[in-house]
Amino acid sequence: MIYWLTHPAPKAGTEPKKILVMGYCGLGDMIFLFPMFRALRRRFPGAHIAVLANPDSPSAELAAGNPEINQILQYPCTTAGQIERRQFNALLDKEGYDAVVASASNPIRHFLSGLHKIPWRLGHCRRMTVPWSIATIPELIRDLWHVYIWQEEIFRRLFFNRRVWLNIQTDRAHDIDKCLRLIEPLGIAMAQENRNPIIVINEAAACFADNFLKQNNLQNKRVLAMSLGISKGMPYKQWGVDNFARLATEICKRCDMELLLLGSADEENFAQELTSSTGLDVVNVIGRTNVHEMAALLKKCSLFIGNDTGPAKLAMAVNTPTAMIWGPSDRYGGGAWNDKHLVIHNNAPCSPCLLSGMMLVGKNILNHVNCGHHQCLTTLSSEFAFEKIIGWIEKSKIFSEGVRNRSILEEKGEAGRS
């Protein structure tokens, strides 16, 4: 700690030659870092750019396919023991990086002894208030999640010498822009950068997608891709599978589409539930693609619908029109970064209650833990989502031939009156 406080700032006029970006995050957060990688490469074409990635996430695999990145480091942060952690930090120290960049979604407290000698230390710090009274301190202590968040924030404020501040109450910038802000101290003007993530589809993944579509008779057809699950440990972001089933039935009928389900292997039960309740001819590739193959398939699809998850961000990154269902999580920071995509929410007054990775807490403040109703998702009906999506499709002219005039619900209504 004394070293961080007394170590001088980088000398004026010096430029980093070896840059470490903390990418220990989920798939969506990694995608939001891609414009920053491109900006770093443009500004420092000869620099060595390394990424510290999470081996338990497809984000590491996605980063490995980014041509702007020279090196991928992987470390099992949540399962590593003390000896393994010390060894990895010794490796980081030995690498001799002269700049480290860490967004708010990336923890740094586990790597302090390996990063402490780096002269350029750039990272997000959150402007936080203490909303708890003395009487609630025991409750706070029992809530380890909040303890870790505060512990992380204290270390970040001491560690970084180029801090970029986030106000979780008022900051409505997209996470892409928040990440680009991080590298402004290196002489990179955020306003001059292309903020759209670009995913390079490799030849093997493109061949896989072409062959898969041909084998399943999906070539030259409108394909609706859906991902039904959510990230592990985040059930509060889950819109019901029954809602997705009704929505898929409506969209496929109205827009003359075929349904493709994709996602991780642990979402297979969702696929079975949807298939049994819709009667649609569902093509299921859940758990049978790597992240590059998924990207290639998504690029071939006409439309994607899903929760706030990595596949939705991947679909947007390959320029597939994407509609995302939002509840408690941060639709400002993690939603659509241009007007080609659709954010669906029901304007619940307490949503979002998660901003910049932080749950809003305090006296009389509702969040997904204490609200008791979860109305941001439970009252968001499939009919509401259907009307939003159809209106968006027609306004954006996503399908040049247009859509059919009547939905299944309207046909059922006529049948009931006859």
Protein backbone atom coordinates (compact mmCIF):
# COMPACT_ATOMS: atom_id res chain seq x y z
CA MET A 1 0.00 0.00 0.00
CA ILE A 2 2.85 2.41 0.85
CA TYR A 3 4.37 1.65 -2.55
CA TRP A 4 1.13 2.62 -4.38
CA LEU A 5 0.84 5.90 -2.47
CA THR A 6 4.47 6.97 -2.89
CA HIS A 7 5.27 5.59 -6.35
CA PRO A 8 5.61 8.54 -8.78
CA ALA A 9 3.28 8.96 -11.71
CA PRO A 10 4.57 8.06 -15.19
CA LYS A 11 6.93 10.67 -16.60
CA ALA A 12 5.47 13.13 -19.08
CA GLY A 13 6.02 12.10 -22.67
CA THR A 14 6.44 8.39 -21.93
CA GLU A 15 4.22 5.86 -23.68
CA PRO A 16 3.35 2.34 -22.58
CA LYS A 17 4.92 -0.45 -24.58
CA LYS A 18 3.40 -3.39 -22.72
CA ILE A 19 -0.26 -3.05 -21.73
CA LEU A 20 -2.34 -5.41 -19.59
CA VAL A 21 -6.13 -5.14 -19.82
CA MET A 22 -8.11 -6.81 -17.06
CA GLY A 23 -10.67 -8.92 -18.89
CA TYR A 24 -11.70 -11.20 -16.05
CA CYS A 25 -15.37 -10.83 -16.88
CA GLY A 26 -18.35 -12.29 -18.64
CA LEU A 27 -18.94 -12.48 -22.39
CA GLY A 28 -20.91 -9.24 -22.63
CA ASP A 29 -18.36 -7.23 -20.66
CA MET A 30 -15.56 -8.60 -22.87
CA ILE A 31 -17.44 -7.47 -25.99
CA PHE A 32 -17.72 -3.98 -24.48
CA LEU A 33 -13.91 -3.91 -24.21
CA PHE A 34 -13.37 -4.58 -27.93
CA PRO A 35 -13.58 -0.91 -29.06
CA MET A 36 -10.98 -0.10 -26.39
CA PHE A 37 -8.62 -2.77 -27.74
CA ARG A 38 -8.96 -1.28 -31.20
CA ALA A 39 -8.30 2.25 -29.88
CA LEU A 40 -5.21 1.08 -28.00
CA ARG A 41 -3.85 -0.61 -31.11
CA ARG A 42 -4.45 2.51 -33.23
CA ARG A 43 -2.68 4.73 -30.70
CA PHE A 44 0.17 2.30 -29.92
CA PRO A 45 0.63 0.12 -33.04
CA GLY A 46 3.81 -1.49 -31.75
CA ALA A 47 2.64 -2.15 -28.19
CA HIS A 48 2.21 -5.61 -26.69
CA ILE A 49 -1.42 -5.89 -25.54
CA ALA A 50 -2.29 -8.69 -23.12
CA VAL A 51 -5.64 -9.61 -21.59
CA LEU A 52 -6.19 -11.36 -18.28
CA ALA A 53 -9.30 -13.47 -18.92
CA ASN A 54 -11.61 -15.79 -17.00
CA PRO A 55 -11.06 -19.41 -18.10
CA ASP A 56 -14.57 -20.31 -16.89
CA SER A 57 -16.20 -17.90 -19.35
CA PRO A 58 -16.42 -17.94 -23.16
CA SER A 59 -15.00 -14.42 -22.96
CA ALA A 60 -11.47 -15.86 -22.93
CA GLU A 61 -12.15 -17.77 -26.13
CA LEU A 62 -13.65 -14.69 -27.77
CA ALA A 63 -10.66 -12.53 -26.80
CA ALA A 64 -8.30 -15.12 -28.27
CA GLY A 65 -9.84 -14.44 -31.69
CA ASN A 66 -9.31 -10.67 -31.50
CA PRO A 67 -6.44 -9.63 -33.83
CA GLU A 68 -5.67 -6.57 -31.67
CA ILE A 69 -4.59 -8.78 -28.75
CA ASN A 70 -1.12 -10.33 -28.51
CA GLN A 71 -1.47 -12.47 -25.39
CA ILE A 72 -4.21 -14.14 -23.35
CA LEU A 73 -3.55 -14.93 -19.69
CA GLN A 74 -6.05 -17.17 -17.89
CA TYR A 75 -6.41 -17.55 -14.17
CA PRO A 76 -9.17 -19.33 -12.16
CA CYS A 77 -9.70 -16.49 -9.70
CA THR A 78 -12.66 -18.00 -7.81
CA THR A 79 -11.12 -21.46 -7.30
CA ALA A 80 -7.38 -20.81 -6.99
CA GLY A 81 -5.68 -21.38 -3.65
CA GLN A 82 -3.21 -19.07 -1.94
CA ILE A 83 -0.13 -20.80 -3.37
CA GLU A 84 -1.49 -20.70 -6.92
CA ARG A 85 -2.44 -17.04 -6.47
CA ARG A 86 1.05 -16.10 -5.31
CA GLN A 87 2.60 -17.94 -8.24
CA PHE A 88 0.35 -16.19 -10.73
CA ASN A 89 1.04 -12.77 -9.24
CA ALA A 90 4.77 -13.50 -9.42
CA LEU A 91 4.28 -14.23 -13.13
CA LEU A 92 2.43 -10.92 -13.63
CA ASP A 93 5.21 -9.07 -11.83
CA LYS A 94 7.85 -10.77 -13.99
CA GLU A 95 6.06 -9.80 -17.23
CA GLY A 96 7.01 -6.16 -16.67
CA TYR A 97 3.85 -4.44 -17.88
CA ASP A 98 4.03 -0.66 -17.86
CA ALA A 99 0.25 -0.04 -18.04
CA VAL A 100 -2.77 -1.82 -16.61
CA VAL A 101 -6.38 -0.95 -17.45
CA ALA A 102 -9.32 -2.24 -15.39
CA SER A 103 -13.01 -1.52 -15.94
CA ALA A 104 -15.56 -1.64 -13.12
CA SER A 105 -16.57 -5.22 -13.99
CA ASN A 106 -13.06 -6.55 -13.39
CA PRO A 107 -11.77 -7.29 -9.87
CA ILE A 108 -8.21 -6.21 -9.06
CA ARG A 109 -7.89 -7.11 -5.36
CA HIS A 110 -6.69 -10.64 -6.18
CA PHE A 111 -3.81 -9.35 -8.33
CA LEU A 112 -2.39 -6.44 -6.33
CA SER A 113 0.99 -8.01 -5.58
CA GLY A 114 1.50 -8.74 -9.28
CA LEU A 115 0.47 -5.31 -10.52
CA HIS A 116 1.83 -2.92 -7.90
CA LYS A 117 5.00 -1.89 -9.82
CA ILE A 118 3.16 -0.87 -13.00
CA PRO A 119 3.54 2.89 -13.53
CA TRP A 120 0.32 3.49 -15.51
CA ARG A 121 -2.60 2.19 -13.43
CA LEU A 122 -5.94 3.19 -14.98
CA GLY A 123 -9.30 2.05 -13.65
CA HIS A 124 -12.87 2.80 -12.76
CA CYS A 125 -13.76 3.92 -9.26
CA ARG A 126 -17.37 4.23 -8.13
CA ARG A 127 -18.68 7.25 -6.27
CA MET A 128 -20.41 5.50 -3.41
CA THR A 129 -22.35 6.58 -0.35
CA VAL A 130 -22.94 4.67 2.86
CA PRO A 131 -26.71 4.18 2.97
CA TRP A 132 -26.81 1.98 6.05
CA SER A 133 -27.48 3.11 9.58
CA ILE A 134 -25.54 1.75 12.56
CA ALA A 135 -28.43 -0.61 13.26
CA THR A 136 -28.00 -2.32 9.89
CA ILE A 137 -24.24 -2.90 10.13
CA PRO A 138 -24.68 -6.55 11.31
CA GLU A 139 -26.91 -7.15 8.29
CA LEU A 140 -24.28 -5.60 6.03
CA ILE A 141 -21.55 -7.79 7.52
CA ARG A 142 -23.66 -10.87 6.88
CA ASP A 143 -24.06 -9.83 3.26
CA LEU A 144 -20.65 -10.89 1.95
CA TRP A 145 -21.43 -9.57 -1.52
CA HIS A 146 -21.51 -6.01 -0.21
CA VAL A 147 -18.42 -6.59 1.91
CA TYR A 148 -16.48 -7.69 -1.18
CA ILE A 149 -17.74 -4.72 -3.20
CA TRP A 150 -16.61 -2.24 -0.57
CA GLN A 151 -13.30 -4.04 -0.09
CA GLU A 152 -12.70 -3.94 -3.84
CA GLU A 153 -13.55 -0.23 -4.02
CA ILE A 154 -11.13 0.68 -1.23
CA PHE A 155 -8.30 -1.14 -3.00
CA ARG A 156 -9.17 0.47 -6.32
CA ARG A 157 -8.96 3.98 -4.87
CA LEU A 158 -5.57 3.24 -3.37
CA PHE A 159 -4.20 1.34 -6.35
CA PHE A 160 -5.11 3.40 -9.42
CA ASN A 161 -3.19 6.57 -10.17
CA ARG A 162 -5.43 7.43 -13.13
CA ARG A 163 -8.97 7.09 -11.77
CA VAL A 164 -12.08 7.39 -13.92
CA TRP A 165 -15.07 8.02 -11.68
CA LEU A 166 -18.51 6.45 -12.08
CA ASN A 167 -21.60 7.68 -10.27
CA ILE A 168 -23.95 4.72 -10.04
CA GLN A 169 -26.92 6.97 -9.29
CA THR A 170 -26.63 9.28 -12.31
CA ASP A 171 -24.28 7.81 -14.95
CA ARG A 172 -26.35 6.63 -17.92
CA ALA A 173 -23.47 6.17 -20.37
CA HIS A 174 -23.05 2.86 -22.15
CA ASP A 175 -20.37 0.54 -20.78
CA ILE A 176 -18.50 0.85 -24.09
CA ASP A 177 -18.14 4.58 -23.50
CA LYS A 178 -17.18 4.03 -19.88
CA CYS A 179 -14.39 1.72 -21.04
CA LEU A 180 -13.19 4.20 -23.66
CA ARG A 181 -13.01 6.86 -20.95
CA LEU A 182 -10.41 4.72 -19.19
CA ILE A 183 -7.76 5.25 -21.86
CA GLU A 184 -8.19 8.99 -22.32
CA PRO A 185 -5.23 9.64 -19.95
CA LEU A 186 -3.09 7.82 -22.54
CA GLY A 187 -3.88 10.48 -25.12
CA ILE A 188 -6.77 8.67 -26.82
CA ALA A 189 -9.77 10.91 -27.55
CA MET A 190 -12.94 8.91 -26.98
CA ALA A 191 -14.97 11.06 -29.39
CA GLN A 192 -12.72 10.09 -32.29
CA GLU A 193 -13.06 6.34 -31.82
CA ASN A 194 -15.42 3.89 -33.48
CA ARG A 195 -17.48 2.63 -30.55
CA ASN A 196 -18.99 -0.39 -32.32
CA PRO A 197 -17.53 -3.76 -31.27
CA ILE A 198 -16.30 -5.79 -34.24
CA ILE A 199 -16.22 -9.59 -34.02
CA VAL A 200 -14.04 -11.34 -36.58
CA ILE A 201 -15.67 -14.56 -37.80
CA ASN A 202 -12.94 -17.08 -38.56
CA GLU A 203 -13.14 -19.43 -41.54
CA ALA A 204 -13.80 -22.56 -39.49
CA ALA A 205 -16.71 -20.92 -37.65
CA ALA A 206 -18.17 -19.57 -40.91
CA CYS A 207 -18.01 -23.05 -42.48
CA PHE A 208 -19.68 -24.55 -39.41
CA ALA A 209 -22.56 -22.07 -39.66
CA ASP A 210 -23.06 -22.64 -43.39
CA ASN A 211 -23.04 -26.42 -43.00
CA PHE A 212 -25.35 -26.32 -39.97
CA LEU A 213 -27.93 -24.18 -41.74
CA LYS A 214 -27.78 -26.40 -44.81
CA GLN A 215 -28.16 -29.61 -42.80
CA ASN A 216 -31.20 -28.20 -41.00
CA ASN A 217 -32.82 -26.75 -44.13
CA LEU A 218 -32.51 -23.18 -42.84
CA GLN A 219 -30.69 -21.67 -45.79
CA ASN A 220 -32.47 -18.74 -47.43
CA LYS A 221 -35.04 -18.66 -44.62
CA ARG A 222 -35.78 -16.12 -41.94
CA VAL A 223 -34.31 -17.48 -38.72
CA LEU A 224 -35.28 -16.26 -35.27
CA ALA A 225 -32.51 -17.05 -32.78
CA MET A 226 -33.35 -17.20 -29.09
CA SER A 227 -31.33 -17.70 -25.93
CA LEU A 228 -33.57 -18.57 -22.98
CA GLY A 229 -31.17 -18.58 -20.06
CA ILE A 230 -29.20 -16.13 -17.98
CA SER A 231 -25.70 -15.98 -16.53
CA LYS A 232 -25.01 -18.32 -13.61
CA GLY A 233 -25.95 -16.86 -10.26
CA MET A 234 -28.25 -14.21 -11.77
CA PRO A 235 -31.78 -15.69 -11.66
CA TYR A 236 -33.23 -12.22 -11.07
CA LYS A 237 -32.66 -11.46 -14.79
CA GLN A 238 -34.72 -14.42 -16.03
CA TRP A 239 -37.89 -13.77 -18.02
CA GLY A 240 -40.08 -16.85 -17.87
CA VAL A 241 -39.65 -19.59 -20.48
CA ASP A 242 -43.44 -19.60 -20.87
CA ASN A 243 -43.20 -15.98 -21.97
CA PHE A 244 -40.52 -16.83 -24.51
CA ALA A 245 -42.63 -19.74 -25.76
CA ARG A 246 -45.67 -17.54 -26.43
CA LEU A 247 -43.51 -14.82 -27.96
CA ALA A 248 -41.66 -17.27 -30.24
CA THR A 249 -44.95 -18.73 -31.46
CA GLU A 250 -46.32 -15.30 -32.28
CA ILE A 251 -43.18 -13.99 -33.96
CA CYS A 252 -42.62 -17.13 -36.06
CA LYS A 253 -46.23 -17.08 -37.26
CA ARG A 254 -46.42 -13.36 -37.95
CA CYS A 255 -42.99 -13.04 -39.60
CA ASP A 256 -42.80 -16.49 -41.24
CA MET A 257 -39.67 -17.49 -39.32
CA GLU A 258 -37.90 -20.65 -38.20
CA LEU A 259 -36.81 -20.90 -34.56
CA LEU A 260 -33.21 -21.62 -33.54
CA LEU A 261 -32.30 -22.05 -29.87
CA LEU A 262 -28.72 -21.53 -28.73
CA GLY A 263 -26.88 -21.05 -25.46
CA SER A 264 -24.89 -22.99 -22.89
CA ALA A 265 -25.47 -26.67 -22.09
CA ASP A 266 -27.17 -25.95 -18.75
CA GLU A 267 -30.07 -24.31 -20.63
CA GLU A 268 -31.18 -27.56 -22.27
CA ASN A 269 -34.09 -27.94 -19.86
CA PHE A 270 -35.42 -24.55 -20.98
CA ALA A 271 -35.33 -25.73 -24.59
CA GLN A 272 -37.30 -28.87 -23.75
CA GLU A 273 -39.90 -26.82 -21.90
CA LEU A 274 -40.33 -24.38 -24.78
CA THR A 275 -40.45 -27.08 -27.44
CA SER A 276 -43.12 -29.06 -25.61
CA SER A 277 -45.34 -26.00 -25.11
CA THR A 278 -45.17 -24.40 -28.57
CA GLY A 279 -45.48 -27.21 -31.09
CA LEU A 280 -42.98 -25.38 -33.29
CA ASP A 281 -40.32 -27.21 -35.29
CA VAL A 282 -37.43 -26.03 -33.13
CA VAL A 283 -33.81 -26.36 -34.22
CA ASN A 284 -31.77 -26.77 -31.04
CA VAL A 285 -28.02 -26.12 -30.98
CA ILE A 286 -27.80 -25.40 -27.24
CA GLY A 287 -24.48 -26.52 -25.77
CA ARG A 288 -23.10 -27.62 -29.14
CA THR A 289 -21.19 -24.54 -30.28
CA ASN A 290 -18.14 -22.65 -29.15
CA VAL A 291 -18.37 -18.86 -28.96
CA HIS A 292 -16.99 -18.33 -32.49
CA GLU A 293 -19.47 -20.81 -33.99
CA MET A 294 -22.29 -19.13 -32.08
CA ALA A 295 -21.21 -15.76 -33.45
CA ALA A 296 -21.17 -17.16 -36.99
CA LEU A 297 -24.66 -18.62 -36.58
CA LEU A 298 -26.01 -15.40 -35.10
CA LYS A 299 -24.61 -13.43 -38.02
CA LYS A 300 -26.69 -15.60 -40.37
CA CYS A 301 -29.91 -15.09 -38.38
CA SER A 302 -32.56 -12.50 -39.21
CA LEU A 303 -33.45 -11.64 -35.62
CA PHE A 304 -32.36 -12.42 -32.05
CA ILE A 305 -34.47 -12.26 -28.87
CA GLY A 306 -33.21 -12.98 -25.37
CA ASN A 307 -32.56 -11.91 -21.82
CA ASP A 308 -29.71 -9.66 -20.71
CA THR A 309 -26.98 -12.20 -21.47
CA GLY A 310 -23.75 -12.68 -23.40
CA PRO A 311 -25.40 -14.18 -26.52
CA ALA A 312 -27.54 -11.04 -26.88
CA LYS A 313 -24.44 -8.81 -26.80
CA LEU A 314 -22.77 -11.20 -29.27
CA ALA A 315 -25.76 -10.93 -31.62
CA MET A 316 -25.56 -7.14 -31.53
CA ALA A 317 -21.80 -7.27 -32.14
CA VAL A 318 -22.27 -9.27 -35.36
CA ASN A 319 -24.93 -6.76 -36.45
CA THR A 320 -27.98 -9.02 -36.12
CA PRO A 321 -31.11 -7.05 -35.12
CA THR A 322 -31.53 -7.83 -31.43
CA ALA A 323 -34.40 -7.40 -28.96
CA MET A 324 -33.45 -7.77 -25.29
CA ILE A 325 -35.76 -8.24 -22.30
CA TRP A 326 -34.72 -6.04 -19.37
CA GLY A 327 -35.70 -6.12 -15.72
CA PRO A 328 -33.51 -5.16 -12.76
CA SER A 329 -30.17 -4.91 -14.57
CA ASP A 330 -28.58 -1.86 -16.16
CA ARG A 331 -30.18 -1.35 -19.58
CA TYR A 332 -28.34 1.97 -19.95
CA GLY A 333 -24.85 0.54 -19.54
CA GLY A 334 -25.40 -2.92 -20.98
CA GLY A 335 -28.13 -2.46 -23.57
CA ALA A 336 -28.11 -1.45 -27.21
CA TRP A 337 -25.24 0.84 -28.24
CA ASN A 338 -26.97 2.02 -31.42
CA ASP A 339 -30.52 2.40 -32.71
CA LYS A 340 -30.51 -0.83 -34.70
CA HIS A 341 -31.46 -2.85 -31.63
CA LEU A 342 -34.42 -2.85 -29.24
CA VAL A 343 -34.51 -2.57 -25.45
CA ILE A 344 -37.77 -3.95 -24.01
CA HIS A 345 -38.81 -2.92 -20.49
CA ASN A 346 -42.03 -1.91 -18.79
CA ASN A 347 -40.88 1.31 -17.08
CA ALA A 348 -41.19 -0.13 -13.59
CA PRO A 349 -40.34 2.84 -11.31
CA CYS A 350 -37.70 0.89 -9.37
CA SER A 351 -35.96 -0.51 -12.48
CA PRO A 352 -33.10 -0.72 -13.04
CA CYS A 353 -31.92 -1.36 -9.51
CA LEU A 354 -28.47 -2.48 -10.70
CA LEU A 355 -26.28 0.27 -12.15
CA SER A 356 -22.58 0.04 -13.04
CA GLY A 357 -22.51 -3.39 -11.42
CA MET A 358 -23.90 -2.11 -8.12
CA MET A 359 -27.29 -2.86 -6.58
CA LEU A 360 -29.00 0.30 -5.35
CA VAL A 361 -29.47 0.14 -1.59
CA GLY A 362 -30.56 2.46 1.20
CA LYS A 363 -33.58 3.65 3.12
CA ASN A 364 -36.82 3.27 1.12
CA ILE A 365 -34.89 2.10 -1.97
CA LEU A 366 -36.28 -1.00 -3.66
CA ASN A 367 -34.06 -3.57 -5.34
CA HIS A 368 -34.48 -7.10 -6.65
CA VAL A 369 -33.64 -8.53 -3.22
CA ASN A 370 -36.10 -6.59 -1.09
CA CYS A 371 -38.87 -5.54 -3.49
CA GLY A 372 -40.89 -8.72 -3.00
CA HIS A 373 -42.63 -8.42 -6.38
CA HIS A 374 -40.06 -8.35 -9.22
CA GLN A 375 -42.65 -6.46 -11.26
CA CYS A 376 -40.04 -5.31 -13.77
CA LEU A 377 -40.24 -8.84 -15.24
CA THR A 378 -43.36 -10.50 -13.80
CA THR A 379 -45.66 -7.84 -15.28
CA LEU A 380 -43.81 -7.68 -18.60
CA SER A 381 -46.12 -9.83 -20.72
CA SER A 382 -45.36 -11.68 -23.93
CA GLU A 383 -48.15 -9.67 -25.60
CA PHE A 384 -46.43 -6.41 -24.63
CA ALA A 385 -43.08 -7.68 -25.93
CA PHE A 386 -44.71 -8.92 -29.15
CA GLU A 387 -46.26 -5.54 -29.94
CA LYS A 388 -42.97 -3.76 -29.22
CA ILE A 389 -41.02 -6.12 -31.49
CA ILE A 390 -43.52 -6.03 -34.37
CA GLY A 391 -43.64 -2.23 -34.23
CA TRP A 392 -39.84 -2.09 -34.24
CA ILE A 393 -39.57 -4.56 -37.16
CA GLU A 394 -41.99 -2.53 -39.25
CA LYS A 395 -40.49 0.85 -38.36
CA SER A 396 -36.92 -0.33 -38.96
CA LYS A 397 -37.85 -2.27 -42.13
CA ILE A 398 -35.85 -5.26 -40.89
CA PHE A 399 -37.72 -7.47 -43.35
CA SER A 400 -38.06 -5.90 -46.78
CA GLU A 401 -41.20 -7.95 -47.53
CA GLY A 402 -42.90 -6.78 -44.34
CA VAL A 403 -44.81 -8.98 -41.89
CA ARG A 404 -48.14 -10.70 -41.93
CA ASN A 405 -51.13 -8.65 -40.84
CA ARG A 406 -52.55 -11.00 -38.25
CA SER A 407 -51.08 -12.76 -35.24
CA ILE A 408 -52.05 -16.12 -33.80
CA LEU A 409 -53.83 -14.38 -30.90
CA GLU A 410 -56.01 -12.49 -33.39
CA GLU A 411 -56.80 -15.71 -35.28
CA LYS A 412 -57.74 -17.44 -32.02
CA GLY A 413 -59.99 -14.53 -31.16
CA GLU A 414 -61.81 -14.80 -34.47
CA ALA A 415 -62.19 -18.56 -34.05
CA GLY A 416 -63.68 -18.05 -30.62
CA ARG A 417 -66.28 -15.61 -31.98
CA SER A 418 -67.34 -17.82 -34.92
